[in-house]
């Protein structure tokens, strides 16, 4: 049984169940394109928090995950997987992005197990009970073929299941 399930639809449509919206992002503090741009419009307070984290951590954030409350939907937490120092044309190689994706997912998994992190995120229940949802991360602006990221996700089969949205 696969730990990756595909769903057609709009990942930004509000759902009435606890879920974590996972996206890959840069450490430069810019939600300037792709799904991140849309999230910045919907969740400006989360974007400001992300920008502050980036200004303090910079490229030291690579391979880590920040879990942010959405501040507007009690059932939604945003997971920022730091997979590249910069966005746009300055993004890292596909190999480095995949390695940082793996490390950031490991970091996210450990945070999901920690009740203190749940409190900081204003979680409505234990984070381990949240559904993990994502677009086809890394395959847009970062240009990594989806199949390569999909293989990384499969390595977490014993730990996490993912719902991947397709348009």
Foldseek 3Di string as FASTA:
>chain_A
DFLEAEDEDDPPPDDDAAAEEEAEDALQLDLDDDVSVVLCVQQVVQSVVSSVNSVVQQPVCQLAWDWAASVPDQRYIYIYQHQFNDFAPRGDDLVSSLVSNLSHVVNVLVLLQDVVSCVVRNHPDRSLPHAYEYELYCCPRVNHPSVSNSVSVRVCRVRHGYYYYDD
